[in-house]
N, C-alpha and C. Protein backbone atom coordinates (compact mmCIF):
# COMPACT_ATOMS: atom_id res chain seq x y z
N MET A 1 17.42 15.83 11.95
CA MET A 1 16.41 15.05 11.54
C MET A 1 16.21 13.75 12.57
N VAL A 2 14.84 13.39 12.91
CA VAL A 2 14.62 12.44 13.69
C VAL A 2 13.59 11.37 13.17
N ILE A 3 13.95 10.15 13.26
CA ILE A 3 12.76 9.19 12.78
C ILE A 3 12.10 8.75 13.87
N TYR A 4 10.68 8.51 13.82
CA TYR A 4 9.96 7.86 14.60
C TYR A 4 9.28 6.52 14.05
N ASN A 5 10.17 5.66 14.50
CA ASN A 5 9.87 4.17 13.86
C ASN A 5 8.67 3.43 14.69
N VAL A 6 7.63 2.94 14.13
CA VAL A 6 6.67 2.19 14.67
C VAL A 6 6.55 0.88 14.02
N THR A 7 6.79 -0.18 14.83
CA THR A 7 6.86 -1.44 14.22
C THR A 7 5.44 -2.21 14.67
N TYR A 8 4.88 -3.09 13.63
CA TYR A 8 3.49 -3.70 14.00
C TYR A 8 3.58 -5.02 13.55
N SER A 9 2.95 -5.82 14.46
CA SER A 9 2.76 -7.23 14.28
C SER A 9 1.11 -7.45 13.79
N VAL A 10 0.90 -7.98 12.75
CA VAL A 10 -0.49 -8.09 12.26
C VAL A 10 -1.11 -9.59 11.96
N GLU A 11 -1.94 -9.75 12.71
CA GLU A 11 -2.35 -11.02 12.43
C GLU A 11 -3.13 -11.39 11.04
N ASN A 12 -2.66 -12.51 10.67
CA ASN A 12 -2.92 -12.70 9.09
C ASN A 12 -4.47 -12.53 8.79
N SER A 13 -5.47 -12.86 9.75
CA SER A 13 -6.61 -12.89 9.60
C SER A 13 -7.33 -11.49 9.05
N ILE A 14 -6.60 -10.48 9.48
CA ILE A 14 -7.05 -8.94 9.21
C ILE A 14 -5.90 -8.30 8.20
N HIS A 15 -5.09 -9.03 7.95
CA HIS A 15 -3.75 -8.58 7.24
C HIS A 15 -4.15 -7.32 6.18
N GLN A 16 -4.85 -7.98 5.14
CA GLN A 16 -5.25 -7.05 3.96
C GLN A 16 -5.85 -5.87 4.20
N GLU A 17 -7.09 -6.19 5.29
CA GLU A 17 -7.87 -5.21 5.61
C GLU A 17 -7.02 -4.11 6.13
N TRP A 18 -6.05 -4.39 7.11
CA TRP A 18 -5.15 -3.45 8.08
C TRP A 18 -4.29 -2.82 6.96
N LEU A 19 -3.82 -3.53 5.95
CA LEU A 19 -2.70 -2.95 5.16
C LEU A 19 -3.53 -1.65 4.22
N SER A 20 -4.65 -2.00 3.98
CA SER A 20 -5.39 -0.91 3.06
C SER A 20 -5.87 0.25 4.04
N TRP A 21 -6.14 0.02 5.43
CA TRP A 21 -6.40 1.00 6.17
C TRP A 21 -5.04 1.84 6.38
N MET A 22 -4.02 1.29 6.50
CA MET A 22 -2.67 2.04 6.88
C MET A 22 -2.41 2.93 5.61
N ARG A 23 -2.54 2.11 4.43
CA ARG A 23 -2.23 2.82 3.07
C ARG A 23 -3.13 4.15 2.79
N GLU A 24 -4.43 3.92 3.11
CA GLU A 24 -5.51 4.75 2.57
C GLU A 24 -5.92 5.95 3.77
N ALA A 25 -5.62 5.64 5.13
CA ALA A 25 -6.02 6.45 6.20
C ALA A 25 -5.00 6.87 6.97
N HIS A 26 -4.64 5.85 7.79
CA HIS A 26 -3.89 6.09 9.19
C HIS A 26 -2.62 6.84 8.83
N ILE A 27 -1.80 6.45 7.78
CA ILE A 27 -0.56 7.03 7.62
C ILE A 27 -0.67 8.60 7.21
N GLN A 28 -1.71 8.78 6.47
CA GLN A 28 -1.95 10.10 5.76
C GLN A 28 -2.59 10.85 7.08
N GLU A 29 -3.27 10.31 7.71
CA GLU A 29 -3.83 11.23 8.77
C GLU A 29 -2.66 11.78 9.78
N ILE A 30 -1.70 10.97 9.93
CA ILE A 30 -0.40 11.30 10.88
C ILE A 30 0.22 12.38 10.08
N ILE A 31 0.47 12.15 8.65
CA ILE A 31 1.38 13.06 7.98
C ILE A 31 0.56 14.50 7.88
N GLU A 32 -0.74 14.42 8.06
CA GLU A 32 -1.48 15.83 7.82
C GLU A 32 -1.40 16.45 9.32
N THR A 33 -0.93 16.08 10.27
CA THR A 33 -0.74 16.87 11.49
C THR A 33 0.42 17.96 11.22
N GLY A 34 1.23 17.56 10.12
CA GLY A 34 2.13 18.74 9.96
C GLY A 34 3.42 18.54 10.37
N LEU A 35 3.56 17.54 11.29
CA LEU A 35 4.72 17.38 12.25
C LEU A 35 5.78 16.45 11.72
N TYR A 36 5.38 15.62 10.65
CA TYR A 36 6.39 14.89 9.98
C TYR A 36 6.42 15.13 8.51
N VAL A 37 7.65 15.29 7.88
CA VAL A 37 7.66 15.81 6.61
C VAL A 37 7.65 14.62 5.56
N LYS A 38 7.87 13.42 6.15
CA LYS A 38 7.64 12.31 5.01
C LYS A 38 7.77 10.91 5.90
N TYR A 39 7.59 9.69 5.16
CA TYR A 39 7.34 8.57 5.79
C TYR A 39 7.84 7.58 4.83
N GLN A 40 8.13 6.41 5.32
CA GLN A 40 8.43 5.17 4.75
C GLN A 40 7.73 3.95 5.26
N PHE A 41 7.01 3.00 4.56
CA PHE A 41 6.41 2.11 4.98
C PHE A 41 6.95 0.86 4.52
N VAL A 42 7.42 0.02 5.39
CA VAL A 42 8.17 -1.12 4.86
C VAL A 42 7.61 -2.45 5.67
N LYS A 43 7.83 -3.76 4.80
CA LYS A 43 7.52 -4.92 5.48
C LYS A 43 9.03 -5.58 5.98
N LEU A 44 8.93 -6.19 7.18
CA LEU A 44 10.29 -6.85 7.53
C LEU A 44 10.05 -8.26 6.88
N LEU A 45 11.26 -8.60 6.44
CA LEU A 45 11.49 -9.78 5.94
C LEU A 45 12.14 -10.74 6.74
N ASP A 46 12.30 -11.91 6.31
CA ASP A 46 12.86 -13.17 7.26
C ASP A 46 12.22 -13.14 8.60
N MET A 47 10.81 -12.98 8.89
CA MET A 47 10.20 -12.83 9.85
C MET A 47 9.22 -14.25 10.06
N ASN A 48 8.79 -15.02 10.72
CA ASN A 48 8.01 -15.98 10.74
C ASN A 48 6.57 -15.51 10.68
N GLU A 49 5.91 -15.85 9.57
CA GLU A 49 4.71 -15.44 9.26
C GLU A 49 3.60 -16.39 9.11
N GLU A 50 3.77 -17.11 10.20
CA GLU A 50 2.55 -18.35 10.12
C GLU A 50 1.44 -17.58 10.54
N GLU A 51 1.57 -16.96 11.72
CA GLU A 51 0.32 -16.34 12.15
C GLU A 51 0.35 -14.92 12.18
N SER A 52 1.32 -14.12 11.93
CA SER A 52 1.24 -12.68 11.76
C SER A 52 2.37 -12.03 10.72
N ALA A 53 1.95 -10.84 10.38
CA ALA A 53 3.10 -10.06 9.35
C ALA A 53 3.61 -9.18 10.25
N THR A 54 4.81 -8.50 9.82
CA THR A 54 5.45 -7.66 10.53
C THR A 54 5.67 -6.39 9.68
N TYR A 55 5.33 -5.14 9.65
CA TYR A 55 5.51 -4.02 9.16
C TYR A 55 6.29 -2.79 10.10
N ALA A 56 6.67 -2.10 9.54
CA ALA A 56 7.23 -0.68 10.30
C ALA A 56 6.87 0.51 9.50
N VAL A 57 6.64 1.66 10.01
CA VAL A 57 6.49 2.84 9.32
C VAL A 57 7.40 3.68 10.16
N GLN A 58 8.24 4.41 9.28
CA GLN A 58 9.05 5.32 9.73
C GLN A 58 8.76 6.84 9.26
N PHE A 59 8.29 7.73 10.44
CA PHE A 59 8.04 9.21 10.10
C PHE A 59 9.10 9.80 10.60
N TYR A 60 9.42 10.95 9.59
CA TYR A 60 10.68 11.85 9.71
C TYR A 60 10.16 13.10 10.09
N ALA A 61 10.59 13.49 11.21
CA ALA A 61 10.42 14.82 11.58
C ALA A 61 11.91 15.80 11.64
N GLU A 62 11.49 17.02 11.33
CA GLU A 62 12.62 17.93 11.10
C GLU A 62 13.52 17.91 12.60
N THR A 63 12.83 17.97 13.61
CA THR A 63 13.23 18.20 15.04
C THR A 63 12.75 17.33 15.86
N LYS A 64 13.35 17.02 17.15
CA LYS A 64 12.97 16.31 18.00
C LYS A 64 11.61 17.12 18.74
N ALA A 65 11.61 18.39 18.77
CA ALA A 65 10.55 19.21 19.21
C ALA A 65 9.34 18.84 18.39
N LYS A 66 9.39 18.76 17.20
CA LYS A 66 8.07 18.55 16.24
C LYS A 66 7.56 16.90 16.51
N HIS A 67 8.41 16.04 16.81
CA HIS A 67 8.08 14.77 17.32
C HIS A 67 7.35 14.84 18.57
N LEU A 68 8.15 15.60 19.68
CA LEU A 68 7.31 15.44 20.75
C LEU A 68 6.07 16.34 20.92
N GLU A 69 5.85 17.17 20.07
CA GLU A 69 4.49 18.02 19.85
C GLU A 69 3.44 16.69 19.23
N PHE A 70 3.89 15.93 18.32
CA PHE A 70 3.10 14.85 18.06
C PHE A 70 2.69 14.01 19.21
N MET A 71 3.69 13.54 19.90
CA MET A 71 3.42 12.61 21.04
C MET A 71 2.56 13.24 22.10
N ILE A 72 2.64 14.44 22.37
CA ILE A 72 1.77 15.15 23.35
C ILE A 72 0.53 15.39 22.81
N GLU A 73 0.40 15.90 21.53
CA GLU A 73 -0.96 16.35 21.08
C GLU A 73 -1.79 15.27 20.30
N HIS A 74 -1.08 14.22 19.83
CA HIS A 74 -1.95 13.59 19.02
C HIS A 74 -1.68 11.79 19.14
N GLU A 75 -0.79 11.53 19.68
CA GLU A 75 -0.50 9.93 20.06
C GLU A 75 -1.27 9.19 20.65
N THR A 76 -1.85 9.74 21.68
CA THR A 76 -3.02 8.95 22.33
C THR A 76 -4.08 8.85 21.57
N ALA A 77 -4.63 9.60 20.81
CA ALA A 77 -5.95 9.62 20.17
C ALA A 77 -5.67 8.54 19.01
N PHE A 78 -4.44 8.64 18.09
CA PHE A 78 -4.00 7.74 17.16
C PHE A 78 -4.11 6.24 17.78
N LYS A 79 -3.28 6.02 18.94
CA LYS A 79 -3.54 4.71 19.52
C LYS A 79 -4.91 4.15 19.83
N LEU A 80 -5.56 5.05 20.40
CA LEU A 80 -6.89 4.75 20.69
C LEU A 80 -7.76 4.26 19.69
N LYS A 81 -7.93 5.09 18.59
CA LYS A 81 -8.31 4.84 17.40
C LYS A 81 -8.06 3.47 16.62
N SER A 82 -6.64 3.21 16.75
CA SER A 82 -6.08 1.90 16.14
C SER A 82 -6.63 0.64 17.16
N SER A 83 -6.62 1.00 18.28
CA SER A 83 -7.05 -0.17 19.44
C SER A 83 -8.36 -0.43 19.29
N ARG A 84 -9.29 0.77 18.89
CA ARG A 84 -10.94 0.41 19.00
C ARG A 84 -10.99 -0.23 17.57
N HIS A 85 -10.15 -0.22 16.65
CA HIS A 85 -10.47 -0.67 15.40
C HIS A 85 -9.92 -2.35 15.21
N TRP A 86 -8.78 -2.42 15.55
CA TRP A 86 -8.21 -3.75 15.46
C TRP A 86 -8.00 -4.45 16.83
N GLY A 87 -8.18 -3.89 18.19
CA GLY A 87 -8.08 -4.65 19.44
C GLY A 87 -6.70 -5.31 19.30
N ASN A 88 -6.65 -6.54 19.78
CA ASN A 88 -5.52 -7.32 20.08
C ASN A 88 -5.04 -7.99 18.80
N GLU A 89 -5.57 -7.72 17.81
CA GLU A 89 -4.98 -8.31 16.47
C GLU A 89 -3.87 -7.69 15.70
N VAL A 90 -3.47 -6.43 16.33
CA VAL A 90 -2.48 -5.63 15.88
C VAL A 90 -1.81 -5.21 16.93
N MET A 91 -0.58 -5.52 17.26
CA MET A 91 0.38 -5.07 18.36
C MET A 91 1.57 -4.02 17.64
N SER A 92 1.74 -3.11 18.72
CA SER A 92 2.71 -2.10 17.95
C SER A 92 3.68 -1.51 19.03
N PHE A 93 4.84 -0.91 18.68
CA PHE A 93 5.67 -0.15 19.79
C PHE A 93 6.48 0.52 18.93
N GLY A 94 6.89 1.69 19.39
CA GLY A 94 7.66 2.90 18.78
C GLY A 94 8.92 3.14 19.29
N THR A 95 9.96 3.65 18.41
CA THR A 95 11.19 3.83 18.99
C THR A 95 11.48 5.17 17.98
N LEU A 96 12.19 5.96 18.75
CA LEU A 96 12.63 7.16 18.14
C LEU A 96 14.22 6.96 17.82
N MET A 97 14.67 7.53 16.67
CA MET A 97 15.85 7.28 16.23
C MET A 97 16.50 8.49 15.46
N GLN A 98 17.75 8.64 15.67
CA GLN A 98 18.34 9.86 14.82
C GLN A 98 19.41 9.31 13.91
N ILE A 99 19.26 10.10 12.80
CA ILE A 99 20.22 9.81 11.33
C ILE A 99 21.63 10.03 11.97
N VAL A 100 22.73 9.25 11.82
CA VAL A 100 23.88 9.21 12.09
C VAL A 100 24.83 9.53 10.74
N GLN A 101 25.42 10.51 10.49
CA GLN A 101 26.40 10.48 9.15
C GLN A 101 27.70 10.48 9.55
């Protein structure tokens, strides 16, 4: 199992609208690609929230190949959609992780 973690910094001026969009549309659309089996949506604590809030979404894929398929087939479109909707008010970066037991 691999985890694709996307961390977001969201300006306070659009925070509630963005949060609703993530919960009601964006995350579900990614899950509907069928390439991730589950997700976890978290808020980072102990962060300076004067101007922005920080969140992360962790998408779980059964194999690295499934994640790579997402990156090749879907990631650009999702990033473009987010960028068009939120512009510079939301910044994000992704990291790929593996569960170690």
